[in-house]
Structure formats: structure tokens, C-alpha cells
Amino acid sequence: MAKDVKKWMQGMDHYAKGEYDQCISILKSANENSRILFDVGMAYFSAGNFSEAAANFGKATQLDVYLAAAYYMRGVSLFRLGDIRGAADDFLKALEKLRDHDFIDYTQLKMPYRLVRSEIVFNLLLAEITLRRDVAEHLSQLKKCKEVHEEHRAMYDKGVRLFPEYQTTGLTPLSIDKTKLFMPPQLNPKTGMGDGAKKVAEQNKTGKQFSLFKN
């Protein structure tokens, strides 16, 4: 565990410098977990290698089927690769992981980021319209997001303005900012283990990460 955390830290140091190849190489030498694989995916995504990004986000979902952020970013990667159907499917999966909540706050897992429902729905709308599918239901979802939180108003207004006329040319899906990654846990000098590692492991094992959800 301690060796993997140290490698994770080293990888993040290279990532912060834009040294994505070095970051990827170091992270891949650590024992895989869903969050490290997510970070590998973000490194590939930031480097413009959307194919490898999608593959690693996919591996992350295999280890943690509840990791909505990985489905979301795999969807973005697939969209960039031209696989719009695959992207739409992943955006739907990300929405399913939110259940009835407005966003997931990943701060407890050491990523200072909230995956917000309106952003996922916006991307889903973009994909569905690109496929020339009916989007009435998704527009309704976006409107509900706006009605719940005024901070989503701009997203809703943009969706209403652009999507009914299929004015999607040149638009790309929203993505998680490349500065938002899962950070390694702090090592306990007495045990050599990462603080909170047991709790995270238990959550991943049971899939019960309900404390991550917020309304």
C-alpha cells in the first residue's frame, strides 16, 4: 500500500508539470484501483489520447461500478472519438449512478469535484441530437435541474437555445477539468497505510457510497 501511494504521489507530481507520459508510466506500475485508473484516464485525456483515456476509464468502472465520474469521462472520450452512441450510453449510465440526487461530491475520496446532473444531461442532449433522436425527455430533465438549482439556469438556457434547432456544429461535450483528479491518501507514519483507506475499500466493496450524494 505504501509503495503504491508513493508511486501515486510521484505520478501526480509529473501530471502537475504536464509530463503525462511519465505520469502514466508511474501510475501503471502501481497496483490498480479505480481511482488510480481514473487518473490514468485523465492523463491520457489531457494528452489528447482519447482512445486510451476511454479504455482506462472503462477499467475504472469495472473495479467500481458506482464511479459515475468514470462513466461520464469515458462518454466524453468516446464522443471525441466519434462514437456518439457509446457516449450517449455512458452519459445515461452516469445519470443512473446519481439516482435522484443533484450531484455527487467526490471530496471524501480526495477529488475536489462535484459531478452535477445538469452537466451530464447537457452532454446527453448533445449526443442524442447528434444522433437525431428525440430529446424532449432530456430537455425536461434539464429544466427540472434548473428549477431545483438556479446555478443551472445558464445550462438550461443554453440547451433550450441550441438544441431544438440542432445547432450542435462545433460543440464538444463538457468534461471534468483536467486539474480535478483523485489524490492519493496521506500515509500514516506509524502504520505506513493511507488514512481513510479502509473506509474507502469498504465503500467500494459494498457499493454503498451514499454519503457522496447531495441534494
Protein backbone atom coordinates (compact mmCIF):
# COMPACT_ATOMS: atom_id res chain seq x y z
CA MET A 1 0.00 0.00 0.00
CA ALA A 2 2.70 2.49 0.99
CA LYS A 3 4.68 1.86 -2.19
CA ASP A 4 1.59 2.35 -4.32
CA VAL A 5 0.73 5.60 -2.55
CA LYS A 6 4.25 6.89 -3.12
CA LYS A 7 4.02 6.00 -6.82
CA TRP A 8 0.63 7.71 -6.96
CA MET A 9 2.16 10.85 -5.45
CA GLN A 10 5.05 10.75 -7.91
CA GLY A 11 2.64 10.34 -10.78
CA MET A 12 0.65 13.36 -9.65
CA ASP A 13 3.84 15.42 -9.48
CA HIS A 14 4.52 14.64 -13.14
CA TYR A 15 0.89 15.29 -14.04
CA ALA A 16 1.02 18.75 -12.45
CA LYS A 17 4.01 19.55 -14.69
CA GLY A 18 2.21 18.38 -17.81
CA GLU A 19 4.51 15.36 -18.06
CA TYR A 20 1.71 12.98 -18.91
CA ASP A 21 3.83 10.12 -20.30
CA GLN A 22 5.87 9.95 -17.10
CA CYS A 23 2.73 10.19 -15.02
CA ILE A 24 1.08 7.34 -16.89
CA SER A 25 4.17 5.14 -16.69
CA ILE A 26 4.46 5.55 -12.92
CA LEU A 27 0.75 5.11 -12.19
CA LYS A 28 0.61 1.96 -14.31
CA SER A 29 3.41 0.47 -12.22
CA ALA A 30 1.23 0.70 -9.11
CA ASN A 31 -1.40 -1.83 -8.15
CA GLU A 32 -4.60 -0.88 -9.92
CA ASN A 33 -7.60 0.59 -8.18
CA SER A 34 -10.50 2.52 -9.64
CA ARG A 35 -9.18 5.94 -8.67
CA ILE A 36 -5.67 5.38 -10.00
CA LEU A 37 -7.16 4.11 -13.26
CA PHE A 38 -9.36 7.20 -13.40
CA ASP A 39 -6.27 9.37 -13.01
CA VAL A 40 -4.50 7.40 -15.76
CA GLY A 41 -7.53 8.09 -17.94
CA MET A 42 -7.33 11.80 -17.16
CA ALA A 43 -3.63 11.83 -18.06
CA TYR A 44 -4.36 10.23 -21.42
CA PHE A 45 -7.32 12.59 -21.92
CA SER A 46 -5.19 15.64 -21.13
CA ALA A 47 -2.58 14.38 -23.61
CA GLY A 48 -5.26 14.10 -26.30
CA ASN A 49 -5.18 10.28 -26.45
CA PHE A 50 -8.93 9.73 -26.18
CA SER A 51 -8.79 6.05 -27.12
CA GLU A 52 -6.52 5.12 -24.19
CA ALA A 53 -8.45 7.52 -21.96
CA ALA A 54 -11.71 5.69 -22.73
CA ALA A 55 -10.04 2.33 -22.12
CA ASN A 56 -8.76 3.31 -18.68
CA PHE A 57 -12.00 4.99 -17.61
CA GLY A 58 -13.65 1.73 -18.63
CA LYS A 59 -11.24 -0.28 -16.46
CA ALA A 60 -12.09 2.03 -13.56
CA THR A 61 -15.80 1.24 -13.93
CA GLN A 62 -15.01 -2.47 -13.89
CA LEU A 63 -13.40 -2.09 -10.47
CA ASP A 64 -16.05 0.31 -9.18
CA VAL A 65 -19.37 0.10 -10.98
CA TYR A 66 -20.64 3.09 -8.98
CA LEU A 67 -17.94 5.51 -10.16
CA ALA A 68 -20.15 7.88 -12.12
CA ALA A 69 -17.24 10.21 -12.93
CA ALA A 70 -15.54 7.41 -14.89
CA TYR A 71 -18.67 6.70 -16.96
CA TYR A 72 -19.01 10.42 -17.58
CA MET A 73 -15.42 10.88 -18.76
CA ARG A 74 -15.49 7.71 -20.86
CA GLY A 75 -18.56 9.19 -22.53
CA VAL A 76 -16.70 12.42 -23.23
CA SER A 77 -13.73 10.46 -24.62
CA LEU A 78 -15.94 8.33 -26.86
CA PHE A 79 -17.69 11.45 -28.12
CA ARG A 80 -14.31 12.92 -29.09
CA LEU A 81 -13.57 9.65 -30.93
CA GLY A 82 -16.82 9.89 -32.88
CA ASP A 83 -18.56 7.04 -31.05
CA ILE A 84 -21.66 9.08 -30.26
CA ARG A 85 -23.85 6.09 -29.44
CA GLY A 86 -21.29 4.80 -26.95
CA ALA A 87 -21.03 8.29 -25.45
CA ALA A 88 -24.81 8.57 -25.05
CA ASP A 89 -24.90 5.17 -23.32
CA ASP A 90 -22.20 6.24 -20.85
CA PHE A 91 -23.89 9.55 -20.07
CA LEU A 92 -27.05 7.58 -19.28
CA LYS A 93 -25.06 5.25 -17.01
CA ALA A 94 -23.57 8.25 -15.21
CA LEU A 95 -27.07 9.62 -14.64
CA GLU A 96 -28.21 6.28 -13.26
CA LYS A 97 -25.43 6.40 -10.66
CA LEU A 98 -26.75 9.75 -9.38
CA ARG A 99 -30.13 8.12 -8.66
CA ASP A 100 -32.39 11.02 -7.64
CA HIS A 101 -29.60 13.27 -6.42
CA ASP A 102 -28.50 16.55 -7.99
CA PHE A 103 -24.78 15.86 -7.83
CA ILE A 104 -22.09 13.62 -6.37
CA ASP A 105 -19.44 15.26 -4.24
CA TYR A 106 -16.15 13.38 -4.55
CA THR A 107 -14.34 15.39 -1.89
CA GLN A 108 -14.44 12.47 0.55
CA LEU A 109 -12.47 10.44 -2.00
CA LYS A 110 -9.90 13.22 -2.30
CA MET A 111 -11.08 14.72 -5.57
CA PRO A 112 -12.37 18.28 -5.05
CA TYR A 113 -15.12 17.99 -7.63
CA ARG A 114 -18.89 17.74 -7.83
CA LEU A 115 -20.36 15.83 -10.77
CA VAL A 116 -23.55 17.78 -11.43
CA ARG A 117 -26.68 16.31 -13.01
CA SER A 118 -27.23 19.26 -15.37
CA GLU A 119 -23.79 18.80 -16.94
CA ILE A 120 -24.43 15.12 -17.62
CA VAL A 121 -27.84 15.88 -19.11
CA PHE A 122 -26.33 18.62 -21.28
CA ASN A 123 -23.82 16.14 -22.72
CA LEU A 124 -26.54 13.55 -23.20
CA LEU A 125 -28.60 16.10 -25.11
CA LEU A 126 -25.64 16.92 -27.32
CA ALA A 127 -25.09 13.24 -28.10
CA GLU A 128 -28.76 12.44 -28.69
CA ILE A 129 -29.26 15.40 -31.01
CA THR A 130 -26.13 14.49 -32.94
CA LEU A 131 -27.80 11.09 -33.42
CA ARG A 132 -31.03 12.87 -34.43
CA ARG A 133 -33.01 11.30 -31.60
CA ASP A 134 -35.95 12.77 -29.74
CA VAL A 135 -34.71 14.87 -26.83
CA ALA A 136 -37.95 16.13 -25.28
CA GLU A 137 -37.49 13.99 -22.16
CA HIS A 138 -33.90 15.15 -21.66
CA LEU A 139 -34.84 18.80 -22.12
CA SER A 140 -37.44 18.26 -19.43
CA GLN A 141 -34.76 16.80 -17.16
CA LEU A 142 -32.56 19.81 -17.77
CA LYS A 143 -35.45 22.12 -16.94
CA LYS A 144 -36.00 20.28 -13.66
CA CYS A 145 -32.34 20.77 -12.82
CA LYS A 146 -32.75 24.49 -13.36
CA GLU A 147 -35.91 24.58 -11.25
CA VAL A 148 -34.09 22.89 -8.36
CA HIS A 149 -30.92 24.99 -8.52
CA GLU A 150 -30.68 28.46 -10.02
CA GLU A 151 -26.97 27.83 -10.66
CA HIS A 152 -28.07 25.55 -13.50
CA ARG A 153 -30.04 28.29 -15.28
CA ALA A 154 -27.30 29.07 -17.80
CA MET A 155 -27.02 25.40 -18.71
CA TYR A 156 -30.75 25.14 -19.25
CA ASP A 157 -30.97 28.35 -21.25
CA LYS A 158 -28.12 27.19 -23.47
CA GLY A 159 -29.81 23.85 -24.02
CA VAL A 160 -33.15 25.40 -24.92
CA ARG A 161 -31.46 27.89 -27.25
CA LEU A 162 -29.26 25.45 -29.14
CA PHE A 163 -30.78 22.01 -29.16
CA PRO A 164 -34.26 22.38 -30.66
CA GLU A 165 -32.70 23.83 -33.83
CA TYR A 166 -29.98 21.14 -33.87
CA GLN A 167 -27.31 23.82 -33.74
CA THR A 168 -24.63 21.49 -32.40
CA THR A 169 -21.95 22.10 -35.03
CA GLY A 170 -18.61 22.73 -33.36
CA LEU A 171 -19.89 21.92 -29.88
CA THR A 172 -17.96 19.47 -27.73
CA PRO A 173 -19.24 17.86 -24.54
CA LEU A 174 -18.46 19.28 -21.15
CA SER A 175 -15.70 17.46 -19.28
CA ILE A 176 -14.19 17.32 -15.83
CA ASP A 177 -11.48 19.96 -15.54
CA LYS A 178 -8.07 18.38 -16.03
CA THR A 179 -6.94 19.75 -12.66
CA LYS A 180 -9.53 17.59 -10.87
CA LEU A 181 -8.13 14.15 -10.09
CA PHE A 182 -8.28 11.66 -7.28
CA MET A 183 -5.35 12.36 -5.00
CA PRO A 184 -3.51 9.67 -3.04
CA PRO A 185 -4.27 9.29 0.67
CA GLN A 186 -1.84 10.65 3.21
CA LEU A 187 0.45 8.00 4.64
CA ASN A 188 0.22 7.34 8.36
CA PRO A 189 3.86 7.40 9.59
CA LYS A 190 3.10 4.76 12.23
CA THR A 191 1.30 2.20 10.08
CA GLY A 192 2.50 3.10 6.60
CA MET A 193 -1.14 2.94 5.47
CA GLY A 194 -3.15 5.66 3.83
CA ASP A 195 -5.58 7.44 6.12
CA GLY A 196 -9.13 6.51 5.27
CA ALA A 197 -8.02 3.62 3.04
CA LYS A 198 -10.07 1.06 4.97
CA LYS A 199 -13.22 3.17 4.76
CA VAL A 200 -12.84 3.69 1.02
CA ALA A 201 -12.15 -0.01 0.47
CA GLU A 202 -15.28 -0.93 2.40
CA GLN A 203 -17.36 1.54 0.40
CA ASN A 204 -16.01 0.21 -2.90
CA LYS A 205 -16.67 -3.38 -1.81
CA THR A 206 -20.28 -2.79 -0.81
CA GLY A 207 -21.05 -0.12 -3.39
CA LYS A 208 -22.71 1.91 -0.65
CA GLN A 209 -21.22 5.35 -1.18
CA PHE A 210 -24.41 7.15 -0.26
CA SER A 211 -22.54 9.78 1.75
CA LEU A 212 -21.16 11.07 -1.55
CA PHE A 213 -24.60 12.15 -2.72
CA LYS A 214 -26.00 15.57 -2.03
CA ASN A 215 -29.34 17.25 -2.76
